PDB file of N, CA and C in Angstrom:
ATOM      1  N   MET A   1       8.931   2.218  -7.831  1.00  0.00           N
ATOM      2  CA  MET A   1       7.529   1.858  -7.913  1.00  0.00           C
ATOM      3  C   MET A   1       6.740   2.808  -7.019  1.00  0.00           C
ATOM      4  N   ARG A   2       5.548   3.090  -7.449  1.00  0.00           N
ATOM      5  CA  ARG A   2       4.690   3.987  -6.675  1.00  0.00           C
ATOM      6  C   ARG A   2       3.320   3.355  -6.434  1.00  0.00           C
ATOM      7  N   LEU A   3       2.734   3.766  -5.334  1.00  0.00           N
ATOM      8  CA  LEU A   3       1.403   3.328  -4.945  1.00  0.00           C
ATOM      9  C   LEU A   3       0.375   4.234  -5.618  1.00  0.00           C
ATOM     10  N   ASN A   4      -0.671   3.639  -6.194  1.00  0.00           N
ATOM     11  CA  ASN A   4      -1.766   4.428  -6.738  1.00  0.00           C
ATOM     12  C   ASN A   4      -2.709   4.719  -5.573  1.00  0.00           C
ATOM     13  N   ARG A   5      -2.775   5.964  -5.180  1.00  0.00           N
ATOM     14  CA  ARG A   5      -3.514   6.333  -3.965  1.00  0.00           C
ATOM     15  C   ARG A   5      -4.994   5.966  -4.034  1.00  0.00           C
ATOM     16  N   LYS A   6      -5.643   6.237  -5.163  1.00  0.00           N
ATOM     17  CA  LYS A   6      -7.073   5.928  -5.273  1.00  0.00           C
ATOM     18  C   LYS A   6      -7.329   4.425  -5.163  1.00  0.00           C
ATOM     19  N   LYS A   7      -6.530   3.644  -5.889  1.00  0.00           N
ATOM     20  CA  LYS A   7      -6.698   2.187  -5.845  1.00  0.00           C
ATOM     21  C   LYS A   7      -6.389   1.655  -4.453  1.00  0.00           C
ATOM     22  N   PHE A   8      -5.371   2.238  -3.806  1.00  0.00           N
ATOM     23  CA  PHE A   8      -5.017   1.828  -2.450  1.00  0.00           C
ATOM     24  C   PHE A   8      -6.159   2.102  -1.486  1.00  0.00           C
ATOM     25  N   GLU A   9      -6.739   3.287  -1.573  1.00  0.00           N
ATOM     26  CA  GLU A   9      -7.828   3.650  -0.660  1.00  0.00           C
ATOM     27  C   GLU A   9      -9.038   2.741  -0.851  1.00  0.00           C
ATOM     28  N   ILE A  10      -9.311   2.355  -2.087  1.00  0.00           N
ATOM     29  CA  ILE A  10     -10.423   1.434  -2.347  1.00  0.00           C
ATOM     30  C   ILE A  10     -10.135   0.072  -1.719  1.00  0.00           C
ATOM     31  N   ALA A  11      -8.927  -0.439  -1.947  1.00  0.00           N
ATOM     32  CA  ALA A  11      -8.549  -1.736  -1.375  1.00  0.00           C
ATOM     33  C   ALA A  11      -8.540  -1.677   0.150  1.00  0.00           C
ATOM     34  N   ARG A  12      -8.086  -0.558   0.694  1.00  0.00           N
ATOM     35  CA  ARG A  12      -8.044  -0.388   2.149  1.00  0.00           C
ATOM     36  C   ARG A  12      -9.453  -0.382   2.737  1.00  0.00           C
ATOM     37  N   ALA A  13     -10.372   0.287   2.055  1.00  0.00           N
ATOM     38  CA  ALA A  13     -11.763   0.321   2.520  1.00  0.00           C
ATOM     39  C   ALA A  13     -12.389  -1.075   2.459  1.00  0.00           C
ATOM     40  N   ARG A  14     -12.111  -1.803   1.379  1.00  0.00           N
ATOM     41  CA  ARG A  14     -12.646  -3.164   1.252  1.00  0.00           C
ATOM     42  C   ARG A  14     -12.128  -4.074   2.354  1.00  0.00           C
ATOM     43  N   ALA A  15     -10.853  -3.881   2.720  1.00  0.00           N
ATOM     44  CA  ALA A  15     -10.235  -4.718   3.750  1.00  0.00           C
ATOM     45  C   ALA A  15     -10.517  -4.207   5.165  1.00  0.00           C
ATOM     46  N   CYS A  16     -11.153  -3.025   5.273  1.00  0.00           N
ATOM     47  CA  CYS A  16     -11.448  -2.416   6.574  1.00  0.00           C
ATOM     48  C   CYS A  16     -10.181  -2.298   7.429  1.00  0.00           C
ATOM     49  N   MET A  17      -9.119  -1.787   6.827  1.00  0.00           N
ATOM     50  CA  MET A  17      -7.830  -1.705   7.517  1.00  0.00           C
ATOM     51  C   MET A  17      -7.501  -0.276   7.916  1.00  0.00           C
ATOM     52  N   GLY A  18      -7.035  -0.144   9.151  1.00  0.00           N
ATOM     53  CA  GLY A  18      -6.563   1.130   9.663  1.00  0.00           C
ATOM     54  C   GLY A  18      -5.052   1.098   9.831  1.00  0.00           C
ATOM     55  N   GLN A  19      -4.494   2.197  10.291  1.00  0.00           N
ATOM     56  CA  GLN A  19      -3.055   2.321  10.473  1.00  0.00           C
ATOM     57  C   GLN A  19      -2.489   1.204  11.350  1.00  0.00           C
ATOM     58  N   LYS A  20      -3.151   0.909  12.437  1.00  0.00           N
ATOM     59  CA  LYS A  20      -2.654  -0.122  13.354  1.00  0.00           C
ATOM     60  C   LYS A  20      -2.617  -1.502  12.706  1.00  0.00           C
ATOM     61  N   ASP A  21      -3.539  -1.751  11.769  1.00  0.00           N
ATOM     62  CA  ASP A  21      -3.534  -3.024  11.057  1.00  0.00           C
ATOM     63  C   ASP A  21      -2.290  -3.142  10.178  1.00  0.00           C
ATOM     64  N   PHE A  22      -1.913  -2.044   9.538  1.00  0.00           N
ATOM     65  CA  PHE A  22      -0.714  -2.065   8.701  1.00  0.00           C
ATOM     66  C   PHE A  22       0.542  -2.213   9.557  1.00  0.00           C
ATOM     67  N   GLU A  23       0.558  -1.552  10.704  1.00  0.00           N
ATOM     68  CA  GLU A  23       1.699  -1.687  11.609  1.00  0.00           C
ATOM     69  C   GLU A  23       1.824  -3.127  12.095  1.00  0.00           C
ATOM     70  N   ALA A  24       0.701  -3.763  12.390  1.00  0.00           N
ATOM     71  CA  ALA A  24       0.719  -5.162  12.815  1.00  0.00           C
ATOM     72  C   ALA A  24       1.222  -6.079  11.706  1.00  0.00           C
ATOM     73  N   ALA A  25       1.037  -5.653  10.454  1.00  0.00           N
ATOM     74  CA  ALA A  25       1.509  -6.431   9.303  1.00  0.00           C
ATOM     75  C   ALA A  25       2.976  -6.136   8.973  1.00  0.00           C
ATOM     76  N   GLY A  26       3.617  -5.292   9.795  1.00  0.00           N
ATOM     77  CA  GLY A  26       5.034  -5.008   9.592  1.00  0.00           C
ATOM     78  C   GLY A  26       5.325  -3.833   8.692  1.00  0.00           C
ATOM     79  N   ILE A  27       4.349  -2.965   8.489  1.00  0.00           N
ATOM     80  CA  ILE A  27       4.542  -1.784   7.651  1.00  0.00           C
ATOM     81  C   ILE A  27       4.531  -0.559   8.553  1.00  0.00           C
ATOM     82  N   PRO A  28       5.706   0.065   8.772  1.00  0.00           N
ATOM     83  CA  PRO A  28       5.776   1.225   9.671  1.00  0.00           C
ATOM     84  C   PRO A  28       4.934   2.400   9.179  1.00  0.00           C
ATOM     85  N   LYS A  29       4.461   3.179  10.116  1.00  0.00           N
ATOM     86  CA  LYS A  29       3.609   4.329   9.812  1.00  0.00           C
ATOM     87  C   LYS A  29       4.283   5.272   8.813  1.00  0.00           C
ATOM     88  N   GLY A  30       5.557   5.565   9.017  1.00  0.00           N
ATOM     89  CA  GLY A  30       6.269   6.477   8.120  1.00  0.00           C
ATOM     90  C   GLY A  30       6.363   5.955   6.699  1.00  0.00           C
ATOM     91  N   THR A  31       6.570   4.666   6.568  1.00  0.00           N
ATOM     92  CA  THR A  31       6.645   4.051   5.242  1.00  0.00           C
ATOM     93  C   THR A  31       5.302   4.156   4.530  1.00  0.00           C
ATOM     94  N   LEU A  32       4.235   3.851   5.242  1.00  0.00           N
ATOM     95  CA  LEU A  32       2.904   3.917   4.635  1.00  0.00           C
ATOM     96  C   LEU A  32       2.541   5.350   4.275  1.00  0.00           C
ATOM     97  N   ASN A  33       2.829   6.286   5.165  1.00  0.00           N
ATOM     98  CA  ASN A  33       2.531   7.688   4.876  1.00  0.00           C
ATOM     99  C   ASN A  33       3.321   8.189   3.671  1.00  0.00           C
ATOM    100  N   GLY A  34       4.583   7.780   3.567  1.00  0.00           N
ATOM    101  CA  GLY A  34       5.388   8.155   2.408  1.00  0.00           C
ATOM    102  C   GLY A  34       4.814   7.598   1.124  1.00  0.00           C
ATOM    103  N   ALA A  35       4.377   6.343   1.184  1.00  0.00           N
ATOM    104  CA  ALA A  35       3.787   5.709  -0.001  1.00  0.00           C
ATOM    105  C   ALA A  35       2.525   6.434  -0.439  1.00  0.00           C
ATOM    106  N   ILE A  36       1.691   6.801   0.525  1.00  0.00           N
ATOM    107  CA  ILE A  36       0.440   7.495   0.216  1.00  0.00           C
ATOM    108  C   ILE A  36       0.716   8.871  -0.375  1.00  0.00           C
ATOM    109  N   SER A  37       1.790   9.520   0.084  1.00  0.00           N
ATOM    110  CA  SER A  37       2.103  10.866  -0.402  1.00  0.00           C
ATOM    111  C   SER A  37       2.849  10.859  -1.731  1.00  0.00           C
ATOM    112  N   GLY A  38       3.152   9.675  -2.262  1.00  0.00           N
ATOM    113  CA  GLY A  38       3.731   9.606  -3.599  1.00  0.00           C
ATOM    114  C   GLY A  38       5.206   9.263  -3.671  1.00  0.00           C
ATOM    115  N   LYS A  39       5.833   8.962  -2.559  1.00  0.00           N
ATOM    116  CA  LYS A  39       7.239   8.567  -2.593  1.00  0.00           C
ATOM    117  C   LYS A  39       7.376   7.206  -3.255  1.00  0.00           C
ATOM    118  N   GLY A  40       8.509   6.989  -3.875  1.00  0.00           N
ATOM    119  CA  GLY A  40       8.781   5.703  -4.490  1.00  0.00           C
ATOM    120  C   GLY A  40       8.976   4.630  -3.432  1.00  0.00           C
ATOM    121  N   LEU A  41       8.650   3.413  -3.791  1.00  0.00           N
ATOM    122  CA  LEU A  41       8.758   2.271  -2.876  1.00  0.00           C
ATOM    123  C   LEU A  41       9.625   1.191  -3.495  1.00  0.00           C
ATOM    124  N   ARG A  42      10.266   0.421  -2.632  1.00  0.00           N
ATOM    125  CA  ARG A  42      10.950  -0.778  -3.107  1.00  0.00           C
ATOM    126  C   ARG A  42       9.864  -1.792  -3.460  1.00  0.00           C
ATOM    127  N   PRO A  43      10.134  -2.647  -4.442  1.00  0.00           N
ATOM    128  CA  PRO A  43       9.125  -3.645  -4.829  1.00  0.00           C
ATOM    129  C   PRO A  43       8.655  -4.494  -3.652  1.00  0.00           C
ATOM    130  N   GLU A  44       9.579  -4.859  -2.758  1.00  0.00           N
ATOM    131  CA  GLU A  44       9.167  -5.708  -1.635  1.00  0.00           C
ATOM    132  C   GLU A  44       8.252  -4.976  -0.658  1.00  0.00           C
ATOM    133  N   THR A  45       8.414  -3.667  -0.545  1.00  0.00           N
ATOM    134  CA  THR A  45       7.532  -2.892   0.336  1.00  0.00           C
ATOM    135  C   THR A  45       6.132  -2.809  -0.256  1.00  0.00           C
ATOM    136  N   LEU A  46       6.061  -2.560  -1.543  1.00  0.00           N
ATOM    137  CA  LEU A  46       4.758  -2.540  -2.210  1.00  0.00           C
ATOM    138  C   LEU A  46       4.101  -3.910  -2.104  1.00  0.00           C
ATOM    139  N   GLY A  47       4.901  -4.956  -2.182  1.00  0.00           N
ATOM    140  CA  GLY A  47       4.383  -6.313  -2.026  1.00  0.00           C
ATOM    141  C   GLY A  47       3.822  -6.554  -0.636  1.00  0.00           C
ATOM    142  N   LYS A  48       4.498  -6.032   0.394  1.00  0.00           N
ATOM    143  CA  LYS A  48       4.003  -6.184   1.768  1.00  0.00           C
ATOM    144  C   LYS A  48       2.654  -5.498   1.941  1.00  0.00           C
ATOM    145  N   ILE A  49       2.532  -4.315   1.363  1.00  0.00           N
ATOM    146  CA  ILE A  49       1.266  -3.576   1.462  1.00  0.00           C
ATOM    147  C   ILE A  49       0.157  -4.361   0.769  1.00  0.00           C
ATOM    148  N   ALA A  50       0.448  -4.871  -0.432  1.00  0.00           N
ATOM    149  CA  ALA A  50      -0.546  -5.653  -1.170  1.00  0.00           C
ATOM    150  C   ALA A  50      -0.933  -6.912  -0.402  1.00  0.00           C
ATOM    151  N   ARG A  51       0.059  -7.584   0.196  1.00  0.00           N
ATOM    152  CA  ARG A  51      -0.222  -8.801   0.970  1.00  0.00           C
ATOM    153  C   ARG A  51      -1.112  -8.492   2.162  1.00  0.00           C
ATOM    154  N   ALA A  52      -0.838  -7.376   2.842  1.00  0.00           N
ATOM    155  CA  ALA A  52      -1.655  -6.991   3.995  1.00  0.00           C
ATOM    156  C   ALA A  52      -3.107  -6.740   3.571  1.00  0.00           C
ATOM    157  N   LEU A  53      -3.272  -6.175   2.376  1.00  0.00           N
ATOM    158  CA  LEU A  53      -4.618  -5.884   1.867  1.00  0.00           C
ATOM    159  C   LEU A  53      -5.276  -7.098   1.205  1.00  0.00           C
ATOM    160  N   LYS A  54      -4.485  -8.163   1.010  1.00  0.00           N
ATOM    161  CA  LYS A  54      -4.955  -9.378   0.332  1.00  0.00           C
ATOM    162  C   LYS A  54      -5.405  -9.094  -1.099  1.00  0.00           C
ATOM    163  N   VAL A  55      -4.559  -8.303  -1.808  1.00  0.00           N
ATOM    164  CA  VAL A  55      -4.793  -8.013  -3.216  1.00  0.00           C
ATOM    165  C   VAL A  55      -3.505  -8.281  -3.982  1.00  0.00           C
ATOM    166  N   ASP A  56      -3.601  -8.415  -5.289  1.00  0.00           N
ATOM    167  CA  ASP A  56      -2.420  -8.531  -6.128  1.00  0.00           C
ATOM    168  C   ASP A  56      -1.751  -7.164  -6.198  1.00  0.00           C
ATOM    169  N   VAL A  57      -0.435  -7.151  -6.229  1.00  0.00           N
ATOM    170  CA  VAL A  57       0.306  -5.896  -6.223  1.00  0.00           C
ATOM    171  C   VAL A  57      -0.085  -4.989  -7.394  1.00  0.00           C
ATOM    172  N   THR A  58      -0.461  -5.576  -8.526  1.00  0.00           N
ATOM    173  CA  THR A  58      -0.844  -4.771  -9.699  1.00  0.00           C
ATOM    174  C   THR A  58      -2.139  -3.994  -9.464  1.00  0.00           C
ATOM    175  N   GLU A  59      -2.909  -4.396  -8.449  1.00  0.00           N
ATOM    176  CA  GLU A  59      -4.157  -3.693  -8.155  1.00  0.00           C
ATOM    177  C   GLU A  59      -3.941  -2.367  -7.443  1.00  0.00           C
ATOM    178  N   ILE A  60      -2.761  -2.171  -6.833  1.00  0.00           N
ATOM    179  CA  ILE A  60      -2.540  -0.931  -6.069  1.00  0.00           C
ATOM    180  C   ILE A  60      -1.333  -0.132  -6.563  1.00  0.00           C
ATOM    181  N   MET A  61      -0.621  -0.638  -7.564  1.00  0.00           N
ATOM    182  CA  MET A  61       0.560   0.092  -8.037  1.00  0.00           C
ATOM    183  C   MET A  61       0.196   1.071  -9.138  1.00  0.00           C
ATOM    184  N   GLU A  62       0.981   2.124  -9.217  1.00  0.00           N
ATOM    185  CA  GLU A  62       0.821   3.135 -10.256  1.00  0.00           C
ATOM    186  C   GLU A  62       1.416   2.572 -11.529  1.00  0.00           C
ATOM    187  N   ILE A  63       0.654   2.596 -12.598  1.00  0.00           N
ATOM    188  CA  ILE A  63       1.146   2.115 -13.887  1.00  0.00           C
ATOM    189  C   ILE A  63       1.722   3.308 -14.633  1.00  0.00           C
ATOM    190  N   GLU A  64       3.033   3.221 -14.923  1.00  0.00           N
ATOM    191  CA  GLU A  64       3.707   4.332 -15.613  1.00  0.00           C
ATOM    192  C   GLU A  64       3.625   4.113 -17.104  1.00  0.00           C
ATOM    193  N   ASN A  65       3.372   5.196 -17.809  1.00  0.00           N
ATOM    194  CA  ASN A  65       3.292   5.118 -19.282  1.00  0.00           C
ATOM    195  C   ASN A  65       4.609   5.459 -19.901  1.00  0.00           C
TER     196      ASN A  65
END
């Protein structure tokens, strides 16, 4: 699974979240940076990011055709 960077940035701006907020939610800096740069994620990691942003996971995931 991959994070859609544009959708993530929009959700992040809406939630007013910075790096430290994600770290406080249990998402390490390296994991988040990897996700933003396009690395694949485990479903549970993508779920943690979505939960921290208070959005449904489908709002920030890359939809593959």
